Amino acid sequence: MDSTDFIYIDYKGKEYGFAVNGRHDIMLVVGEDNRIFDKDNYVGETFHGHLIDYKGKPIRGAVVYGSDPFDYVKSDRDGNFLLDNVVDTDTVHIKHDGYIHDIAMDGSKGMYIKIQRSHGRRIDDDIIDTGVGYMRLRDYNGPYSKMTSKQLEACGTSNIAQALNWMPGVTVSPDGKIWIRGGWCSPLWVVDGVATNPVDLTVMEVKSIVVLKDGAMYGSRGAGGVIIVTTKGSDF
């Protein structure tokens, strides 16, 4: 192994990469929220939060991160989240419903946070959850196609796979085979950030679909392309 290589670990549906940097051994730490850290860069503090909307109802599926937007967690169905590896001076960033909210920790180990659109800043970039982090589509160098919920519903079918026929460069046969990048393939499906087998979702449940025709970021799993599905429930 070369000193400039990376070690990749697939753990609980997420992939982590660690630079070797000339080391002969690397100590890794699994945090309280099951994320993996390089011990040399692990601070060890945790921050507990509870998200509610202006009516006091819990916010589910919000993306929460500290200093690194690609190192994030999501709030659970009760609005709770846990951030690992934080310091007292960090700011909690919460992405929900097209807005980002910045909350100073100020040394606190946890807090209740009420989210209101008027207190956030609008997200102008087209951001997708790749399952190995968030990225802007404009930063993705490979070819891709995207359809919004309105475009999907205009296809006249409730079947997600058949709706892909309307996307440039994608063809779906009657028996469900998918043609991406000039060949029939078995693409990797990522639903709300989780790599999974094709799921039984209808078009009406989907907020957007992005097809990455070059899934190199996923290694061999994305060799046949990647289909990223964001459901409407991810914003609840």
C-alpha atoms as a PDB file:
ATOM      1  CA  MET A   1       0.000   0.000   0.000  1.00  0.00           C
ATOM      2  CA  ASP A   2       1.307   3.432  -0.979  1.00  0.00           C
ATOM      3  CA  SER A   3       1.601   6.194   1.634  1.00  0.00           C
ATOM      4  CA  THR A   4      -0.841   8.344  -0.382  1.00  0.00           C
ATOM      5  CA  ASP A   5      -3.548   5.655  -0.493  1.00  0.00           C
ATOM      6  CA  PHE A   6      -6.916   5.789   1.242  1.00  0.00           C
ATOM      7  CA  ILE A   7      -8.601   3.073   3.291  1.00  0.00           C
ATOM      8  CA  TYR A   8     -12.348   2.762   2.718  1.00  0.00           C
ATOM      9  CA  ILE A   9     -14.756   1.202   5.212  1.00  0.00           C
ATOM     10  CA  ASP A  10     -18.416   0.433   4.501  1.00  0.00           C
ATOM     11  CA  TYR A  11     -20.263   0.440   7.836  1.00  0.00           C
ATOM     12  CA  LYS A  12     -24.017   0.511   8.513  1.00  0.00           C
ATOM     13  CA  GLY A  13     -24.892   1.806   5.048  1.00  0.00           C
ATOM     14  CA  LYS A  14     -22.230   4.538   4.860  1.00  0.00           C
ATOM     15  CA  GLU A  15     -18.754   4.563   3.382  1.00  0.00           C
ATOM     16  CA  TYR A  16     -15.827   6.245   5.163  1.00  0.00           C
ATOM     17  CA  GLY A  17     -12.409   7.090   3.716  1.00  0.00           C
ATOM     18  CA  PHE A  18      -9.196   7.573   5.709  1.00  0.00           C
ATOM     19  CA  ALA A  19      -5.856   8.782   4.342  1.00  0.00           C
ATOM     20  CA  VAL A  20      -2.900   6.522   5.118  1.00  0.00           C
ATOM     21  CA  ASN A  21      -0.432   9.443   5.187  1.00  0.00           C
ATOM     22  CA  GLY A  22       2.546   7.143   5.584  1.00  0.00           C
ATOM     23  CA  ARG A  23       1.207   5.435   8.707  1.00  0.00           C
ATOM     24  CA  HIS A  24       1.681   1.715   9.352  1.00  0.00           C
ATOM     25  CA  ASP A  25      -1.449   1.430  11.484  1.00  0.00           C
ATOM     26  CA  ILE A  26      -4.585   3.524  11.994  1.00  0.00           C
ATOM     27  CA  MET A  27      -6.773   3.508  15.103  1.00  0.00           C
ATOM     28  CA  LEU A  28     -10.453   4.102  14.312  1.00  0.00           C
ATOM     29  CA  VAL A  29     -13.224   5.061  16.733  1.00  0.00           C
ATOM     30  CA  VAL A  30     -16.957   4.316  16.410  1.00  0.00           C
ATOM     31  CA  GLY A  31     -18.866   7.258  17.863  1.00  0.00           C
ATOM     32  CA  GLU A  32     -22.142   7.194  19.796  1.00  0.00           C
ATOM     33  CA  ASP A  33     -24.132   7.673  16.577  1.00  0.00           C
ATOM     34  CA  ASN A  34     -22.257   4.790  14.840  1.00  0.00           C
ATOM     35  CA  ARG A  35     -20.089   7.025  12.663  1.00  0.00           C
ATOM     36  CA  ILE A  36     -16.419   6.092  12.294  1.00  0.00           C
ATOM     37  CA  PHE A  37     -13.580   8.527  13.037  1.00  0.00           C
ATOM     38  CA  ASP A  38      -9.803   8.495  12.741  1.00  0.00           C
ATOM     39  CA  LYS A  39      -8.699   8.549  16.402  1.00  0.00           C
ATOM     40  CA  ASP A  40      -6.039  11.187  15.598  1.00  0.00           C
ATOM     41  CA  ASN A  41      -8.847  13.571  14.605  1.00  0.00           C
ATOM     42  CA  TYR A  42     -11.458  12.512  17.155  1.00  0.00           C
ATOM     43  CA  VAL A  43     -12.411  15.099  19.748  1.00  0.00           C
ATOM     44  CA  GLY A  44     -14.850  12.854  21.582  1.00  0.00           C
ATOM     45  CA  GLU A  45     -17.498  15.381  22.720  1.00  0.00           C
ATOM     46  CA  THR A  46     -21.151  14.817  21.833  1.00  0.00           C
ATOM     47  CA  PHE A  47     -24.053  17.205  21.307  1.00  0.00           C
ATOM     48  CA  HIS A  48     -27.686  16.125  21.730  1.00  0.00           C
ATOM     49  CA  GLY A  49     -30.440  18.089  20.002  1.00  0.00           C
ATOM     50  CA  HIS A  50     -34.207  18.014  19.593  1.00  0.00           C
ATOM     51  CA  LEU A  51     -35.806  19.751  16.590  1.00  0.00           C
ATOM     52  CA  ILE A  52     -39.348  21.127  16.588  1.00  0.00           C
ATOM     53  CA  ASP A  53     -41.276  23.276  14.113  1.00  0.00           C
ATOM     54  CA  TYR A  54     -43.143  26.488  14.909  1.00  0.00           C
ATOM     55  CA  LYS A  55     -46.133  24.417  16.095  1.00  0.00           C
ATOM     56  CA  GLY A  56     -43.966  22.423  18.503  1.00  0.00           C
ATOM     57  CA  LYS A  57     -44.080  19.224  16.430  1.00  0.00           C
ATOM     58  CA  PRO A  58     -40.874  17.161  15.998  1.00  0.00           C
ATOM     59  CA  ILE A  59     -38.981  17.565  12.724  1.00  0.00           C
ATOM     60  CA  ARG A  60     -37.966  14.274  11.110  1.00  0.00           C
ATOM     61  CA  GLY A  61     -35.232  13.757   8.518  1.00  0.00           C
ATOM     62  CA  ALA A  62     -33.471  17.131   8.868  1.00  0.00           C
ATOM     63  CA  VAL A  63     -29.767  17.048   7.986  1.00  0.00           C
ATOM     64  CA  VAL A  64     -27.541  18.204  10.866  1.00  0.00           C
ATOM     65  CA  TYR A  65     -23.783  18.787  10.778  1.00  0.00           C
ATOM     66  CA  GLY A  66     -21.021  20.734  12.465  1.00  0.00           C
ATOM     67  CA  SER A  67     -17.956  22.055  10.685  1.00  0.00           C
ATOM     68  CA  ASP A  68     -18.027  19.474   7.863  1.00  0.00           C
ATOM     69  CA  PRO A  69     -21.224  19.411   5.723  1.00  0.00           C
ATOM     70  CA  PHE A  70     -20.238  15.987   4.385  1.00  0.00           C
ATOM     71  CA  ASP A  71     -20.136  14.547   7.922  1.00  0.00           C
ATOM     72  CA  TYR A  72     -23.797  14.719   8.883  1.00  0.00           C
ATOM     73  CA  VAL A  73     -26.590  12.957  10.769  1.00  0.00           C
ATOM     74  CA  LYS A  74     -30.376  13.085  10.360  1.00  0.00           C
ATOM     75  CA  SER A  75     -32.987  13.785  12.999  1.00  0.00           C
ATOM     76  CA  ASP A  76     -35.137  10.764  13.870  1.00  0.00           C
ATOM     77  CA  ARG A  77     -38.926  10.530  13.860  1.00  0.00           C
ATOM     78  CA  ASP A  78     -39.058  12.250  17.273  1.00  0.00           C
ATOM     79  CA  GLY A  79     -36.827  15.114  16.100  1.00  0.00           C
ATOM     80  CA  ASN A  80     -33.786  13.912  18.050  1.00  0.00           C
ATOM     81  CA  PHE A  81     -30.218  13.856  16.770  1.00  0.00           C
ATOM     82  CA  LEU A  82     -26.733  13.237  18.163  1.00  0.00           C
ATOM     83  CA  LEU A  83     -23.570  14.858  16.831  1.00  0.00           C
ATOM     84  CA  ASP A  84     -20.243  13.244  17.658  1.00  0.00           C
ATOM     85  CA  ASN A  85     -16.764  14.776  17.571  1.00  0.00           C
ATOM     86  CA  VAL A  86     -17.689  18.396  18.335  1.00  0.00           C
ATOM     87  CA  VAL A  87     -16.053  21.251  20.243  1.00  0.00           C
ATOM     88  CA  ASP A  88     -17.669  23.983  22.352  1.00  0.00           C
ATOM     89  CA  THR A  89     -17.112  26.656  19.716  1.00  0.00           C
ATOM     90  CA  ASP A  90     -18.782  24.687  16.886  1.00  0.00           C
ATOM     91  CA  THR A  91     -21.958  25.828  15.169  1.00  0.00           C
ATOM     92  CA  VAL A  92     -24.783  23.382  14.475  1.00  0.00           C
ATOM     93  CA  HIS A  93     -26.038  23.648  10.893  1.00  0.00           C
ATOM     94  CA  ILE A  94     -29.511  22.294  10.173  1.00  0.00           C
ATOM     95  CA  LYS A  95     -30.737  21.727   6.631  1.00  0.00           C
ATOM     96  CA  HIS A  96     -34.493  21.364   6.323  1.00  0.00           C
ATOM     97  CA  ASP A  97     -37.113  22.112   3.686  1.00  0.00           C
ATOM     98  CA  GLY A  98     -34.775  24.139   1.452  1.00  0.00           C
ATOM     99  CA  TYR A  99     -33.268  26.275   4.227  1.00  0.00           C
ATOM    100  CA  ILE A 100     -30.156  26.125   6.414  1.00  0.00           C
ATOM    101  CA  HIS A 101     -30.262  27.252  10.054  1.00  0.00           C
ATOM    102  CA  ASP A 102     -27.056  28.047  11.986  1.00  0.00           C
ATOM    103  CA  ILE A 103     -27.162  27.561  15.764  1.00  0.00           C
ATOM    104  CA  ALA A 104     -24.162  28.360  18.007  1.00  0.00           C
ATOM    105  CA  MET A 105     -23.429  25.629  20.559  1.00  0.00           C
ATOM    106  CA  ASP A 106     -21.894  28.120  23.034  1.00  0.00           C
ATOM    107  CA  GLY A 107     -20.526  25.294  25.154  1.00  0.00           C
ATOM    108  CA  SER A 108     -23.890  23.570  25.484  1.00  0.00           C
ATOM    109  CA  LYS A 109     -24.073  19.751  25.362  1.00  0.00           C
ATOM    110  CA  GLY A 110     -27.627  19.795  24.031  1.00  0.00           C
ATOM    111  CA  MET A 111     -30.664  21.949  23.367  1.00  0.00           C
ATOM    112  CA  TYR A 112     -34.186  22.147  22.012  1.00  0.00           C
ATOM    113  CA  ILE A 113     -34.179  23.987  18.678  1.00  0.00           C
ATOM    114  CA  LYS A 114     -37.245  25.541  17.084  1.00  0.00           C
ATOM    115  CA  ILE A 115     -36.966  25.789  13.282  1.00  0.00           C
ATOM    116  CA  GLN A 116     -38.718  28.585  11.380  1.00  0.00           C
ATOM    117  CA  ARG A 117     -38.126  29.403   7.727  1.00  0.00           C
ATOM    118  CA  SER A 118     -37.885  33.126   8.399  1.00  0.00           C
ATOM    119  CA  HIS A 119     -34.835  32.499  10.597  1.00  0.00           C
ATOM    120  CA  GLY A 120     -32.932  30.453   7.993  1.00  0.00           C
ATOM    121  CA  ARG A 121     -31.121  31.105   4.742  1.00  0.00           C
ATOM    122  CA  ARG A 122     -32.344  29.710   1.450  1.00  0.00           C
ATOM    123  CA  ILE A 123     -30.323  26.965  -0.218  1.00  0.00           C
ATOM    124  CA  ASP A 124     -29.773  28.065  -3.805  1.00  0.00           C
ATOM    125  CA  ASP A 125     -27.544  25.195  -4.912  1.00  0.00           C
ATOM    126  CA  ASP A 126     -28.974  21.927  -6.244  1.00  0.00           C
ATOM    127  CA  ILE A 127     -27.786  19.526  -3.542  1.00  0.00           C
ATOM    128  CA  ILE A 128     -28.289  15.754  -3.511  1.00  0.00           C
ATOM    129  CA  ASP A 129     -27.770  13.138  -0.828  1.00  0.00           C
ATOM    130  CA  THR A 130     -25.388  10.597  -2.392  1.00  0.00           C
ATOM    131  CA  GLY A 131     -25.407   8.253   0.578  1.00  0.00           C
ATOM    132  CA  VAL A 132     -21.724   8.967   1.180  1.00  0.00           C
ATOM    133  CA  GLY A 133     -22.277  12.664   1.835  1.00  0.00           C
ATOM    134  CA  TYR A 134     -23.990  15.668   0.277  1.00  0.00           C
ATOM    135  CA  MET A 135     -22.748  17.183  -2.954  1.00  0.00           C
ATOM    136  CA  ARG A 136     -23.762  19.904  -5.367  1.00  0.00           C
ATOM    137  CA  LEU A 137     -24.750  18.662  -8.791  1.00  0.00           C
ATOM    138  CA  ARG A 138     -22.715  21.449 -10.348  1.00  0.00           C
ATOM    139  CA  ASP A 139     -19.619  19.936  -8.660  1.00  0.00           C
ATOM    140  CA  TYR A 140     -20.317  16.489 -10.130  1.00  0.00           C
ATOM    141  CA  ASN A 141     -18.129  16.037 -13.202  1.00  0.00           C
ATOM    142  CA  GLY A 142     -19.926  13.046 -14.733  1.00  0.00           C
ATOM    143  CA  PRO A 143     -23.103  13.007 -16.850  1.00  0.00           C
ATOM    144  CA  TYR A 144     -26.405  12.915 -14.984  1.00  0.00           C
ATOM    145  CA  SER A 145     -30.146  13.327 -15.428  1.00  0.00           C
ATOM    146  CA  LYS A 146     -32.686  14.688 -12.957  1.00  0.00           C
ATOM    147  CA  MET A 147     -36.464  14.766 -12.652  1.00  0.00           C
ATOM    148  CA  THR A 148     -38.546  16.635 -10.060  1.00  0.00           C
ATOM    149  CA  SER A 149     -41.797  15.391  -8.540  1.00  0.00           C
ATOM    150  CA  LYS A 150     -43.886  17.426 -11.003  1.00  0.00           C
ATOM    151  CA  GLN A 151     -41.960  16.006 -13.970  1.00  0.00           C
ATOM    152  CA  LEU A 152     -42.313  12.469 -12.606  1.00  0.00           C
ATOM    153  CA  GLU A 153     -46.050  12.830 -12.097  1.00  0.00           C
ATOM    154  CA  ALA A 154     -46.417  14.127 -15.679  1.00  0.00           C
ATOM    155  CA  CYS A 155     -45.047  10.808 -16.984  1.00  0.00           C
ATOM    156  CA  GLY A 156     -48.434   9.198 -16.437  1.00  0.00           C
ATOM    157  CA  THR A 157     -47.154   6.177 -14.513  1.00  0.00           C
ATOM    158  CA  SER A 158     -46.923   5.360 -10.824  1.00  0.00           C
ATOM    159  CA  ASN A 159     -43.961   3.000 -11.405  1.00  0.00           C
ATOM    160  CA  ILE A 160     -40.620   4.655 -10.623  1.00  0.00           C
ATOM    161  CA  ALA A 161     -38.589   2.416 -12.926  1.00  0.00           C
ATOM    162  CA  GLN A 162     -40.881   3.100 -15.885  1.00  0.00           C
ATOM    163  CA  ALA A 163     -40.742   6.853 -15.182  1.00  0.00           C
ATOM    164  CA  LEU A 164     -36.973   6.648 -15.768  1.00  0.00           C
ATOM    165  CA  ASN A 165     -37.772   6.164 -19.467  1.00  0.00           C
ATOM    166  CA  TRP A 166     -38.386   9.905 -19.636  1.00  0.00           C
ATOM    167  CA  MET A 167     -34.861  10.753 -18.480  1.00  0.00           C
ATOM    168  CA  PRO A 168     -32.199  11.512 -21.147  1.00  0.00           C
ATOM    169  CA  GLY A 169     -29.789   8.622 -21.644  1.00  0.00           C
ATOM    170  CA  VAL A 170     -31.879   6.160 -19.615  1.00  0.00           C
ATOM    171  CA  THR A 171     -34.039   3.355 -21.019  1.00  0.00           C
ATOM    172  CA  VAL A 172     -36.118   0.818 -19.114  1.00  0.00           C
ATOM    173  CA  SER A 173     -37.349  -2.365 -20.793  1.00  0.00           C
ATOM    174  CA  PRO A 174     -40.823  -3.821 -20.080  1.00  0.00           C
ATOM    175  CA  ASP A 175     -39.223  -6.460 -17.840  1.00  0.00           C
ATOM    176  CA  GLY A 176     -37.472  -3.804 -15.740  1.00  0.00           C
ATOM    177  CA  LYS A 177     -33.935  -3.912 -17.180  1.00  0.00           C
ATOM    178  CA  ILE A 178     -32.239  -0.500 -17.146  1.00  0.00           C
ATOM    179  CA  TRP A 179     -29.984   0.920 -19.863  1.00  0.00           C
ATOM    180  CA  ILE A 180     -27.461   3.521 -18.631  1.00  0.00           C
ATOM    181  CA  ARG A 181     -24.216   4.639 -20.281  1.00  0.00           C
ATOM    182  CA  GLY A 182     -24.867   2.637 -23.435  1.00  0.00           C
ATOM    183  CA  GLY A 183     -25.476  -0.767 -21.859  1.00  0.00           C
ATOM    184  CA  TRP A 184     -27.920  -2.806 -19.782  1.00  0.00           C
ATOM    185  CA  CYS A 185     -26.879  -2.706 -16.140  1.00  0.00           C
ATOM    186  CA  SER A 186     -27.831  -3.210 -12.517  1.00  0.00           C
ATOM    187  CA  PRO A 187     -27.473   0.302 -11.085  1.00  0.00           C
ATOM    188  CA  LEU A 188     -27.048   1.072  -7.391  1.00  0.00           C
ATOM    189  CA  TRP A 189     -30.174   2.561  -5.816  1.00  0.00           C
ATOM    190  CA  VAL A 190     -29.787   5.135  -3.011  1.00  0.00           C
ATOM    191  CA  VAL A 191     -33.024   6.116  -1.264  1.00  0.00           C
ATOM    192  CA  ASP A 192     -32.868   9.082   1.159  1.00  0.00           C
ATOM    193  CA  GLY A 193     -29.132   8.571   1.544  1.00  0.00           C
ATOM    194  CA  VAL A 194     -29.273   4.793   2.097  1.00  0.00           C
ATOM    195  CA  ALA A 195     -27.989   2.305  -0.476  1.00  0.00           C
ATOM    196  CA  THR A 196     -30.717  -0.275  -0.953  1.00  0.00           C
ATOM    197  CA  ASN A 197     -32.424  -2.644  -3.364  1.00  0.00           C
ATOM    198  CA  PRO A 198     -35.158  -1.164  -5.582  1.00  0.00           C
ATOM    199  CA  VAL A 199     -37.971  -0.311  -3.191  1.00  0.00           C
ATOM    200  CA  ASP A 200     -41.717  -0.393  -3.562  1.00  0.00           C
ATOM    201  CA  LEU A 201     -42.277   3.353  -3.840  1.00  0.00           C
ATOM    202  CA  THR A 202     -44.747   5.099  -6.109  1.00  0.00           C
ATOM    203  CA  VAL A 203     -44.025   8.218  -8.139  1.00  0.00           C
ATOM    204  CA  MET A 204     -46.347  10.191  -5.854  1.00  0.00           C
ATOM    205  CA  GLU A 205     -44.029   9.490  -2.899  1.00  0.00           C
ATOM    206  CA  VAL A 206     -40.900  10.783  -4.652  1.00  0.00           C
ATOM    207  CA  LYS A 207     -39.574  14.345  -4.461  1.00  0.00           C
ATOM    208  CA  SER A 208     -36.821  13.881  -7.066  1.00  0.00           C
ATOM    209  CA  ILE A 209     -34.713  11.306  -8.882  1.00  0.00           C
ATOM    210  CA  VAL A 210     -31.123  11.867 -10.019  1.00  0.00           C
ATOM    211  CA  VAL A 211     -29.321   9.325 -12.192  1.00  0.00           C
ATOM    212  CA  LEU A 212     -25.523   9.549 -11.971  1.00  0.00           C
ATOM    213  CA  LYS A 213     -24.191   7.815 -15.062  1.00  0.00           C
ATOM    214  CA  ASP A 214     -20.700   7.648 -13.581  1.00  0.00           C
ATOM    215  CA  GLY A 215     -20.852   6.318 -10.031  1.00  0.00           C
ATOM    216  CA  ALA A 216     -17.085   6.215  -9.429  1.00  0.00           C
ATOM    217  CA  MET A 217     -17.513   7.680  -5.932  1.00  0.00           C
ATOM    218  CA  TYR A 218     -19.169   4.381  -4.955  1.00  0.00           C
ATOM    219  CA  GLY A 219     -16.374   2.199  -6.309  1.00  0.00           C
ATOM    220  CA  SER A 220     -17.438  -1.059  -7.948  1.00  0.00           C
ATOM    221  CA  ARG A 221     -20.972  -0.701  -6.548  1.00  0.00           C
ATOM    222  CA  GLY A 222     -21.623   2.277  -8.804  1.00  0.00           C
ATOM    223  CA  ALA A 223     -20.048   0.851 -11.957  1.00  0.00           C
ATOM    224  CA  GLY A 224     -23.476   0.470 -13.560  1.00  0.00           C
ATOM    225  CA  GLY A 225     -24.621   3.950 -12.576  1.00  0.00           C
ATOM    226  CA  VAL A 226     -26.414   5.236  -9.485  1.00  0.00           C
ATOM    227  CA  ILE A 227     -30.086   6.127  -9.068  1.00  0.00           C
ATOM    228  CA  ILE A 228     -30.591   8.566  -6.188  1.00  0.00           C
ATOM    229  CA  VAL A 229     -34.174   8.836  -4.940  1.00  0.00           C
ATOM    230  CA  THR A 230     -35.271  11.552  -2.507  1.00  0.00           C
ATOM    231  CA  THR A 231     -38.711  10.914  -1.045  1.00  0.00           C
ATOM    232  CA  LYS A 232     -41.159  13.557   0.055  1.00  0.00           C
ATOM    233  CA  GLY A 233     -41.005  12.022   3.535  1.00  0.00           C
ATOM    234  CA  SER A 234     -37.336  13.044   3.856  1.00  0.00           C
ATOM    235  CA  ASP A 235     -38.499  16.607   4.582  1.00  0.00           C
ATOM    236  CA  PHE A 236     -40.909  15.668   7.390  1.00  0.00           C
END
